[in-house]
């Protein structure tokens, strides 16, 4: 509970800093410069995700307390992996430059690639803090990192640095995460090599992380597909919209982390596990759908005033990205069940189907329909949820009775920015119909009761 308070405070502060940072940054540098930065950053972030190789989870979940040699072995593997992916990135720059057709991506990409080792070398130190349940230091490290990133980026953008403002902020953030982590955890990095231990770490990391690697391939669709066919300005529109949706649906990430621990306690009782899944789906749809739908109602008025008129094209894809995010939030509970049940291969299969549908439809429609094609690709990727449903249905039957009213209530308002006033008001009517459902009302009362109990 004490650690949860620190992490909750960190999420709240990070959310506020992130919103203000993105707001000022996008107004100062505009869609094209922001798109050039985000396009390069998303490519590097994918490499960094693979370079982690699940070693953070290995160190935290290891039953025995890791010795100094274990931490050093993880550090050695992370150093080799990050340097290797950095070299791979530089080797692929000529090919990437020809594909994107815009040399302006390459300079920030080179700088961000050089920062890749700092992105992962903090893992042994942070894992040590988490094993000690010292979430106060973890929260301090992450919060100061967010403040540094956005603070430096906004100040430099105000000084006219353009896309180099967020690039500099990002690099300073990664350096702080590593050096600050070493200091707070009192970890002195060192090199160590044990072939059996390295095999054990890599074997665990491959099994644990493969599904995440596959899913994270979707993050490359924006820079590689939208960037290739539509240019960096459109990449900026997509990136901002994704960022807004993630901020509004921040509950998704928190509940996924909690669900793994909570559902793990029920894995031997299928009846309780089924009930927990169905209740969680309903509450997830309510908690994520409500802010997304609320923003959808006011987005046509809010976006131009907050970000500027030049960002209004992002309204064309908000409904599609938000719909995909809402569905993925609910079916994220299925992935938690499958991880707990030891069916990670089925999660990897579902993610592979998701990425194939998303990337395939984007390649087909983006050249013909522009941003609307990207949005339709998000909708097409929802088809991968059928794989998740089938996988969980093999364990026990699943009912969507608790989640369905919230899909009916919140999905239509997401499209208000496309309907225009006053026709958009008609899209709110399903919300009233959904609230007439007795089960939906009971979920609202249940959620309110839980919140009020925690507050008081």
Protein backbone atom coordinates (compact mmCIF):
# COMPACT_ATOMS: atom_id res chain seq x y z
CA UNK A 1 0.00 0.00 0.00
CA UNK A 2 2.84 2.38 0.85
CA UNK A 3 4.57 1.66 -2.44
CA UNK A 4 1.25 2.03 -4.23
CA UNK A 5 0.83 5.52 -2.83
CA UNK A 6 4.23 6.57 -4.19
CA UNK A 7 3.54 5.05 -7.61
CA UNK A 8 0.07 6.58 -7.76
CA UNK A 9 1.51 9.99 -6.91
CA UNK A 10 4.15 9.49 -9.59
CA UNK A 11 1.49 8.63 -12.17
CA UNK A 12 -0.54 11.69 -11.22
CA UNK A 13 2.42 14.07 -11.35
CA UNK A 14 3.74 12.48 -14.53
CA UNK A 15 0.33 12.78 -16.15
CA UNK A 16 0.09 16.48 -15.33
CA UNK A 17 3.65 17.23 -16.42
CA UNK A 18 3.17 15.21 -19.61
CA UNK A 19 -0.04 16.97 -20.59
CA UNK A 20 1.44 20.43 -20.04
CA UNK A 21 4.68 19.46 -21.76
CA UNK A 22 2.98 18.11 -24.88
CA UNK A 23 0.62 21.09 -24.96
CA UNK A 24 3.40 23.70 -24.93
CA UNK A 25 5.77 21.67 -27.10
CA UNK A 26 3.30 21.05 -29.91
CA UNK A 27 2.25 24.69 -30.01
CA UNK A 28 5.85 25.87 -30.14
CA UNK A 29 7.30 23.54 -32.79
CA UNK A 30 4.23 22.61 -34.88
CA UNK A 31 3.11 19.34 -36.53
CA UNK A 32 5.98 18.86 -38.98
CA UNK A 33 8.82 19.28 -36.45
CA UNK A 34 6.91 17.21 -33.90
CA UNK A 35 6.34 14.50 -36.51
CA UNK A 36 10.04 14.36 -37.39
CA UNK A 37 10.91 13.94 -33.72
CA UNK A 38 8.21 11.37 -32.95
CA UNK A 39 8.94 9.36 -36.08
CA UNK A 40 12.59 8.97 -35.10
CA UNK A 41 11.81 8.42 -31.43
CA UNK A 42 9.28 5.64 -32.08
CA UNK A 43 11.85 3.69 -34.10
CA UNK A 44 14.45 4.01 -31.34
CA UNK A 45 11.86 3.14 -28.67
CA UNK A 46 11.10 -0.12 -30.47
CA UNK A 47 14.81 -1.03 -30.53
CA UNK A 48 15.08 -0.18 -26.84
CA UNK A 49 12.11 -2.38 -25.99
CA UNK A 50 13.77 -5.37 -27.66
CA UNK A 51 17.17 -4.57 -26.13
CA UNK A 52 15.65 -4.86 -22.63
CA UNK A 53 15.13 -8.57 -23.40
CA UNK A 54 12.86 -9.03 -20.37
CA UNK A 55 15.82 -8.76 -18.00
CA UNK A 56 13.99 -6.26 -15.82
CA UNK A 57 11.28 -8.87 -15.18
CA UNK A 58 13.92 -11.57 -14.65
CA UNK A 59 15.71 -9.60 -11.93
CA UNK A 60 12.49 -8.58 -10.14
CA UNK A 61 10.81 -12.00 -10.30
CA UNK A 62 13.87 -14.12 -9.54
CA UNK A 63 13.02 -16.27 -6.52
CA UNK A 64 16.48 -16.03 -4.98
CA UNK A 65 17.89 -12.62 -4.14
CA UNK A 66 20.20 -11.68 -7.03
CA UNK A 67 23.86 -11.55 -6.12
CA UNK A 68 26.20 -8.84 -7.34
CA UNK A 69 27.32 -11.19 -10.12
CA UNK A 70 23.71 -11.65 -11.30
CA UNK A 71 23.19 -7.89 -11.55
CA UNK A 72 26.52 -7.51 -13.37
CA UNK A 73 25.61 -10.31 -15.79
CA UNK A 74 22.36 -8.53 -16.61
CA UNK A 75 24.28 -5.26 -17.05
CA UNK A 76 26.72 -6.98 -19.42
CA UNK A 77 23.93 -8.43 -21.56
CA UNK A 78 22.12 -5.09 -21.66
CA UNK A 79 25.31 -3.29 -22.66
CA UNK A 80 26.02 -5.76 -25.47
CA UNK A 81 22.42 -5.72 -26.66
CA UNK A 82 22.02 -1.96 -26.65
CA UNK A 83 25.32 -1.39 -28.45
CA UNK A 84 24.36 -4.07 -30.96
CA UNK A 85 20.97 -2.51 -31.70
CA UNK A 86 22.58 0.92 -31.95
CA UNK A 87 24.99 -0.43 -34.56
CA UNK A 88 22.11 -2.16 -36.35
CA UNK A 89 20.19 1.10 -36.43
CA UNK A 90 23.12 2.99 -37.94
CA UNK A 91 23.65 0.24 -40.50
CA UNK A 92 20.02 0.51 -41.58
CA UNK A 93 20.00 4.31 -41.92
CA UNK A 94 20.64 4.38 -45.70
CA UNK A 95 17.80 1.93 -46.35
CA UNK A 96 15.51 3.75 -43.94
CA UNK A 97 16.33 7.10 -45.53
CA UNK A 98 15.39 5.81 -48.98
CA UNK A 99 12.13 4.34 -47.69
CA UNK A 100 11.03 7.46 -45.83
CA UNK A 101 12.12 9.73 -48.66
CA UNK A 102 12.86 12.58 -46.24
CA UNK A 103 16.43 13.11 -45.06
CA UNK A 104 15.22 15.29 -42.18
CA UNK A 105 14.41 12.14 -40.16
CA UNK A 106 17.99 10.91 -40.15
CA UNK A 107 19.78 13.54 -38.05
CA UNK A 108 17.50 13.22 -34.97
CA UNK A 109 17.43 9.44 -35.47
CA UNK A 110 21.25 9.29 -35.23
CA UNK A 111 21.29 11.26 -31.98
CA UNK A 112 18.49 9.23 -30.42
CA UNK A 113 20.18 5.96 -31.42
CA UNK A 114 23.29 7.05 -29.52
CA UNK A 115 21.15 7.45 -26.39
CA UNK A 116 19.79 3.88 -26.66
CA UNK A 117 22.31 2.32 -24.20
CA UNK A 118 21.29 4.82 -21.51
CA UNK A 119 17.66 3.74 -21.99
CA UNK A 120 18.35 0.17 -20.82
CA UNK A 121 21.44 0.34 -18.57
CA UNK A 122 19.32 1.67 -15.71
CA UNK A 123 17.50 -1.68 -15.46
CA UNK A 124 19.74 -3.42 -12.85
CA UNK A 125 19.53 -0.43 -10.50
CA UNK A 126 15.76 0.00 -10.84
CA UNK A 127 15.23 -3.75 -10.41
CA UNK A 128 17.19 -3.62 -7.15
CA UNK A 129 14.97 -0.79 -5.89
CA UNK A 130 11.80 -2.67 -6.86
CA UNK A 131 12.96 -5.86 -5.17
CA UNK A 132 13.51 -3.81 -2.01
CA UNK A 133 10.00 -2.32 -2.46
CA UNK A 134 11.65 1.10 -2.35
CA UNK A 135 9.01 2.68 -4.57
CA UNK A 136 9.67 6.11 -3.10
CA UNK A 137 13.02 6.20 -4.90
CA UNK A 138 11.55 4.64 -8.03
CA UNK A 139 8.83 7.30 -8.08
CA UNK A 140 11.40 10.06 -7.45
CA UNK A 141 13.60 8.83 -10.28
CA UNK A 142 10.74 8.58 -12.78
CA UNK A 143 9.09 11.85 -11.79
CA UNK A 144 12.30 13.87 -12.02
CA UNK A 145 12.95 12.24 -15.38
CA UNK A 146 9.58 13.40 -16.69
CA UNK A 147 10.16 16.92 -15.36
CA UNK A 148 13.63 17.07 -16.94
CA UNK A 149 12.39 15.81 -20.30
CA UNK A 150 9.44 18.14 -20.67
CA UNK A 151 11.13 21.08 -18.96
CA UNK A 152 14.20 21.00 -21.19
CA UNK A 153 12.12 20.36 -24.32
CA UNK A 154 9.74 23.28 -23.69
CA UNK A 155 12.50 25.74 -22.73
CA UNK A 156 14.58 24.90 -25.80
CA UNK A 157 11.51 24.97 -28.04
CA UNK A 158 10.73 28.46 -26.73
CA UNK A 159 14.31 29.40 -27.66
CA UNK A 160 13.69 28.25 -31.23
CA UNK A 161 15.43 24.88 -31.30
CA UNK A 162 12.56 23.23 -33.22
CA UNK A 163 12.69 19.42 -33.34
CA UNK A 164 16.03 19.45 -31.48
CA UNK A 165 14.25 20.67 -28.35
CA UNK A 166 12.45 17.36 -27.63
CA UNK A 167 15.49 15.41 -28.89
CA UNK A 168 17.70 17.11 -26.30
CA UNK A 169 15.07 16.65 -23.60
CA UNK A 170 14.78 12.93 -24.40
CA UNK A 171 18.56 12.36 -24.30
CA UNK A 172 18.91 14.17 -20.96
CA UNK A 173 16.01 12.13 -19.59
CA UNK A 174 17.69 8.82 -20.54
CA UNK A 175 21.03 9.88 -19.07
CA UNK A 176 19.32 10.90 -15.82
CA UNK A 177 17.42 7.59 -15.64
CA UNK A 178 20.66 5.62 -15.76
CA UNK A 179 22.96 7.80 -13.63
CA UNK A 180 20.19 8.69 -11.17
CA UNK A 181 19.20 5.03 -10.86
CA UNK A 182 22.76 3.98 -10.09
CA UNK A 183 23.04 6.67 -7.42
CA UNK A 184 19.68 6.01 -5.73
CA UNK A 185 20.17 2.22 -5.74
CA UNK A 186 23.85 2.53 -4.76
CA UNK A 187 24.66 0.28 -7.68
CA UNK A 188 28.13 0.34 -9.14
CA UNK A 189 27.95 -1.23 -12.62
CA UNK A 190 30.39 -3.95 -13.51
CA UNK A 191 31.00 -6.62 -16.13
CA UNK A 192 30.52 -10.34 -15.51
CA UNK A 193 30.12 -13.36 -17.76
CA UNK A 194 28.70 -16.79 -16.96
CA UNK A 195 27.45 -18.77 -19.94
CA UNK A 196 24.85 -20.81 -17.95
CA UNK A 197 23.51 -17.67 -16.24
CA UNK A 198 23.38 -15.77 -19.53
CA UNK A 199 21.42 -18.63 -21.15
CA UNK A 200 19.03 -18.67 -18.21
CA UNK A 201 18.42 -14.91 -18.46
CA UNK A 202 17.99 -14.90 -22.24
CA UNK A 203 15.70 -17.93 -22.16
CA UNK A 204 13.43 -16.27 -19.60
CA UNK A 205 13.56 -12.96 -21.45
CA UNK A 206 12.65 -14.50 -24.78
CA UNK A 207 9.66 -16.35 -23.37
CA UNK A 208 8.47 -13.37 -21.36
CA UNK A 209 9.03 -10.62 -23.91
CA UNK A 210 8.24 -12.20 -27.28
CA UNK A 211 4.57 -11.19 -27.19
CA UNK A 212 5.51 -7.60 -26.26
CA UNK A 213 8.06 -7.44 -29.09
CA UNK A 214 5.46 -8.56 -31.61
CA UNK A 215 2.83 -6.12 -30.33
CA UNK A 216 5.25 -3.21 -30.28
CA UNK A 217 5.80 -3.64 -34.01
CA UNK A 218 2.56 -1.68 -34.38
CA UNK A 219 4.38 1.44 -33.16
CA UNK A 220 6.43 1.37 -36.38
CA UNK A 221 3.35 1.74 -38.61
CA UNK A 222 3.11 5.47 -37.97
CA UNK A 223 6.72 6.43 -38.81
CA UNK A 224 7.25 3.84 -41.56
CA UNK A 225 3.85 3.79 -43.30
CA UNK A 226 2.38 7.22 -42.57
CA UNK A 227 5.84 8.80 -42.80
CA UNK A 228 6.54 7.14 -46.16
CA UNK A 229 3.24 7.94 -47.87
CA UNK A 230 2.07 11.14 -46.16
CA UNK A 231 5.15 12.85 -44.70
CA UNK A 232 6.25 14.02 -41.23
CA UNK A 233 3.38 16.45 -40.69
CA UNK A 234 0.85 13.61 -40.79
CA UNK A 235 3.11 11.57 -38.50
CA UNK A 236 2.79 14.45 -36.05
CA UNK A 237 -1.01 14.38 -36.22
CA UNK A 238 -1.11 10.64 -35.52
CA UNK A 239 1.46 10.90 -32.72
CA UNK A 240 -0.41 13.66 -30.93
CA UNK A 241 -3.71 11.77 -31.19
CA UNK A 242 -2.15 8.60 -29.80
CA UNK A 243 -0.65 10.61 -26.95
CA UNK A 244 -4.01 12.18 -26.10
CA UNK A 245 -5.75 8.81 -26.11
CA UNK A 246 -3.08 7.29 -23.87
CA UNK A 247 -3.39 10.16 -21.41
CA UNK A 248 -7.19 9.90 -21.29
CA UNK A 249 -7.00 6.12 -20.93
CA UNK A 250 -4.16 6.00 -18.39
CA UNK A 251 -6.23 3.56 -16.32
CA UNK A 252 -5.46 0.84 -18.87
CA UNK A 253 -1.75 0.59 -18.03
CA UNK A 254 -2.34 0.65 -14.29
CA UNK A 255 -5.04 -2.03 -14.33
CA UNK A 256 -2.94 -4.32 -16.53
CA UNK A 257 -0.06 -4.22 -14.05
CA UNK A 258 -2.41 -4.84 -11.14
CA UNK A 259 -4.38 -7.57 -12.91
CA UNK A 260 -1.35 -9.83 -13.30
CA UNK A 261 -0.84 -9.87 -9.55
CA UNK A 262 -4.53 -10.02 -8.62
CA UNK A 263 -5.55 -12.71 -11.12
CA UNK A 264 -2.49 -14.76 -10.26
CA UNK A 265 -4.03 -15.43 -6.85
CA UNK A 266 -7.09 -17.00 -8.50
CA UNK A 267 -5.47 -19.15 -11.17
CA UNK A 268 -6.45 -22.43 -9.49
CA UNK A 269 -10.13 -21.45 -9.16
CA UNK A 270 -11.65 -21.16 -12.65
CA UNK A 271 -15.05 -20.06 -11.34
CA UNK A 272 -13.62 -17.10 -9.47
CA UNK A 273 -11.20 -16.37 -12.32
CA UNK A 274 -14.10 -16.18 -14.78
CA UNK A 275 -16.07 -13.88 -12.49
CA UNK A 276 -13.03 -11.66 -11.94
CA UNK A 277 -12.49 -11.39 -15.71
CA UNK A 278 -16.09 -10.41 -16.44
CA UNK A 279 -16.21 -7.86 -13.62
CA UNK A 280 -12.86 -6.41 -14.68
CA UNK A 281 -13.97 -6.06 -18.31
CA UNK A 282 -17.04 -4.09 -17.26
CA UNK A 283 -15.15 -1.76 -14.96
CA UNK A 284 -12.35 -1.32 -17.51
CA UNK A 285 -14.83 -0.37 -20.25
CA UNK A 286 -16.44 2.15 -17.88
CA UNK A 287 -13.18 3.66 -16.59
CA UNK A 288 -11.51 3.96 -20.01
CA UNK A 289 -14.58 4.69 -22.14
CA UNK A 290 -15.96 7.57 -20.08
CA UNK A 291 -13.02 10.01 -20.46
CA UNK A 292 -12.50 9.03 -24.11
CA UNK A 293 -16.15 9.67 -24.93
CA UNK A 294 -16.20 12.91 -22.93
CA UNK A 295 -13.22 14.23 -24.85
CA UNK A 296 -14.80 13.13 -28.12
CA UNK A 297 -17.76 15.41 -27.38
CA UNK A 298 -15.68 18.53 -26.79
CA UNK A 299 -12.64 17.80 -29.00
CA UNK A 300 -13.77 20.02 -31.92
CA UNK A 301 -13.77 23.02 -29.57
CA UNK A 302 -10.86 22.02 -27.31
CA UNK A 303 -8.16 20.92 -29.77
CA UNK A 304 -7.94 24.16 -31.83
CA UNK A 305 -7.92 26.33 -28.70
CA UNK A 306 -5.34 24.29 -26.78
CA UNK A 307 -3.02 23.17 -29.57
CA UNK A 308 -3.78 25.62 -32.37
CA UNK A 309 -5.78 25.45 -35.61
CA UNK A 310 -2.97 23.66 -37.41
CA UNK A 311 -3.62 20.55 -35.29
CA UNK A 312 -7.31 20.15 -36.23
CA UNK A 313 -6.59 17.33 -38.77
CA UNK A 314 -5.92 15.08 -35.78
CA UNK A 315 -9.68 15.15 -35.13
CA UNK A 316 -10.19 13.01 -38.24
CA UNK A 317 -8.46 10.02 -36.69
CA UNK A 318 -9.27 10.46 -32.99
CA UNK A 319 -12.50 8.38 -33.18
CA UNK A 320 -10.73 5.42 -34.77
CA UNK A 321 -7.68 5.42 -32.49
CA UNK A 322 -9.88 5.86 -29.41
CA UNK A 323 -12.17 2.99 -30.47
CA UNK A 324 -9.22 0.66 -30.97
CA UNK A 325 -7.78 1.71 -27.61
CA UNK A 326 -11.10 1.10 -25.81
CA UNK A 327 -11.49 -2.39 -27.26
CA UNK A 328 -7.84 -3.23 -26.54
CA UNK A 329 -8.29 -2.06 -22.93
CA UNK A 330 -11.15 -4.48 -22.35
CA UNK A 331 -9.43 -7.40 -24.06
CA UNK A 332 -6.26 -6.61 -22.15
CA UNK A 333 -7.91 -8.54 -19.34
CA UNK A 334 -7.84 -11.60 -21.60
CA UNK A 335 -4.08 -11.27 -22.03
CA UNK A 336 -3.70 -11.10 -18.25
CA UNK A 337 -5.67 -14.33 -17.90
CA UNK A 338 -3.55 -16.05 -20.54
CA UNK A 339 -0.28 -14.89 -18.97
CA UNK A 340 -1.44 -16.13 -15.57
CA UNK A 341 -2.53 -19.45 -17.08
CA UNK A 342 0.82 -19.93 -18.80
CA UNK A 343 -0.61 -19.46 -22.32
CA UNK A 344 1.74 -16.70 -23.43
CA UNK A 345 2.03 -18.29 -26.87
CA UNK A 346 -1.65 -17.55 -27.50
CA UNK A 347 -1.01 -13.91 -26.58
CA UNK A 348 1.88 -13.80 -29.05
CA UNK A 349 -0.38 -15.31 -31.73
CA UNK A 350 -3.09 -12.71 -31.08
CA UNK A 351 -0.53 -9.91 -31.23
CA UNK A 352 0.88 -11.26 -34.49
CA UNK A 353 -2.62 -11.26 -36.01
CA UNK A 354 -3.17 -7.73 -34.68
CA UNK A 355 0.04 -6.35 -36.21
CA UNK A 356 -0.59 -8.15 -39.51
CA UNK A 357 -4.10 -6.71 -39.83
CA UNK A 358 -3.02 -3.25 -38.72
CA UNK A 359 0.07 -2.95 -40.91
CA UNK A 360 -1.53 -4.70 -43.89
CA UNK A 361 -4.63 -2.50 -43.97
CA UNK A 362 -2.53 0.63 -43.35
CA UNK A 363 -0.27 -0.22 -46.30
CA UNK A 364 -3.36 -0.75 -48.45
CA UNK A 365 -5.45 2.27 -47.40
CA UNK A 366 -3.07 5.04 -46.26
CA UNK A 367 -1.82 5.77 -49.83
CA UNK A 368 -5.45 5.95 -51.02
CA UNK A 369 -7.28 7.53 -48.09
CA UNK A 370 -4.62 9.36 -46.08
CA UNK A 371 -5.15 9.59 -42.33
CA UNK A 372 -8.61 8.03 -42.63
CA UNK A 373 -6.89 4.91 -43.94
CA UNK A 374 -4.74 4.76 -40.80
CA UNK A 375 -7.89 5.05 -38.71
CA UNK A 376 -9.61 2.22 -40.57
CA UNK A 377 -6.51 0.09 -40.02
CA UNK A 378 -7.00 0.58 -36.27
CA UNK A 379 -10.57 -0.71 -36.63
CA UNK A 380 -9.48 -3.68 -38.76
CA UNK A 381 -6.91 -4.69 -36.11
CA UNK A 382 -9.76 -5.22 -33.63
CA UNK A 383 -10.31 -8.52 -35.43
CA UNK A 384 -7.38 -9.97 -33.48
CA UNK A 385 -9.58 -9.93 -30.36
CA UNK A 386 -11.27 -13.04 -31.77
CA UNK A 387 -8.04 -14.94 -31.12
CA UNK A 388 -7.97 -13.72 -27.49
CA UNK A 389 -11.62 -14.67 -26.99
CA UNK A 390 -11.06 -18.14 -28.44
CA UNK A 391 -7.98 -18.66 -26.26
CA UNK A 392 -9.77 -17.75 -23.02
CA UNK A 393 -12.92 -19.65 -24.07
CA UNK A 394 -10.79 -22.81 -24.07
CA UNK A 395 -10.31 -22.28 -20.34
CA UNK A 396 -13.90 -21.28 -19.47
CA UNK A 397 -16.93 -19.65 -21.14
CA UNK A 398 -16.85 -15.84 -21.21
CA UNK A 399 -19.79 -13.43 -21.06
CA UNK A 400 -19.49 -9.82 -22.25
CA UNK A 401 -22.74 -8.79 -20.59
CA UNK A 402 -21.00 -6.36 -18.22
CA UNK A 403 -18.87 -4.66 -20.89
CA UNK A 404 -21.44 -4.44 -23.72
CA UNK A 405 -23.54 -1.54 -22.31
CA UNK A 406 -20.43 0.64 -22.07
CA UNK A 407 -19.43 -0.10 -25.66
CA UNK A 408 -22.93 0.96 -26.69
CA UNK A 409 -22.72 4.09 -24.53
CA UNK A 410 -19.23 5.33 -25.30
CA UNK A 411 -18.34 4.29 -28.85
CA UNK A 412 -20.79 6.61 -30.73
CA UNK A 413 -19.68 9.82 -28.90
CA UNK A 414 -16.12 9.15 -30.03
CA UNK A 415 -17.23 10.06 -33.57
CA UNK A 416 -18.74 13.45 -32.70
CA UNK A 417 -15.83 15.25 -34.35
CA UNK A 418 -16.79 13.67 -37.67
CA UNK A 419 -20.53 14.23 -37.40
CA UNK A 420 -20.52 17.95 -36.64
CA UNK A 421 -23.09 19.90 -34.65
CA UNK A 422 -25.99 19.48 -34.04
CA UNK A 423 -25.96 15.95 -35.47
CA UNK A 424 -23.31 14.97 -32.96
CA UNK A 425 -25.93 15.21 -30.22
CA UNK A 426 -27.63 12.14 -31.70
CA UNK A 427 -24.50 10.14 -30.93
CA UNK A 428 -25.01 10.78 -27.22
CA UNK A 429 -28.42 9.10 -27.15
CA UNK A 430 -27.03 5.54 -26.81
CA UNK A 431 -25.43 6.60 -23.51
CA UNK A 432 -28.86 7.22 -22.02
CA UNK A 433 -30.12 3.89 -23.31
CA UNK A 434 -27.14 2.09 -21.76
CA UNK A 435 -27.78 3.69 -18.36
CA UNK A 436 -31.27 2.24 -18.40
CA UNK A 437 -29.66 -1.17 -18.07
CA UNK A 438 -29.83 -2.34 -14.45
CA UNK A 439 -26.46 -4.12 -14.59
CA UNK A 440 -24.77 -1.00 -15.94
CA UNK A 441 -26.22 1.12 -13.14
CA UNK A 442 -25.07 -1.41 -10.56
CA UNK A 443 -21.51 -1.21 -11.95
CA UNK A 444 -21.55 2.58 -11.63
CA UNK A 445 -22.70 2.33 -8.02
CA UNK A 446 -20.09 -0.33 -7.30
CA UNK A 447 -17.29 1.76 -8.78
CA UNK A 448 -18.42 4.86 -6.89
CA UNK A 449 -18.60 2.90 -3.65
CA UNK A 450 -15.04 1.66 -4.09
CA UNK A 451 -13.74 5.15 -4.86
CA UNK A 452 -15.56 6.74 -1.94
CA UNK A 453 -14.31 4.03 0.43
CA UNK A 454 -10.69 4.61 -0.63
CA UNK A 455 -11.02 8.39 -0.34
CA UNK A 456 -12.65 8.35 3.10
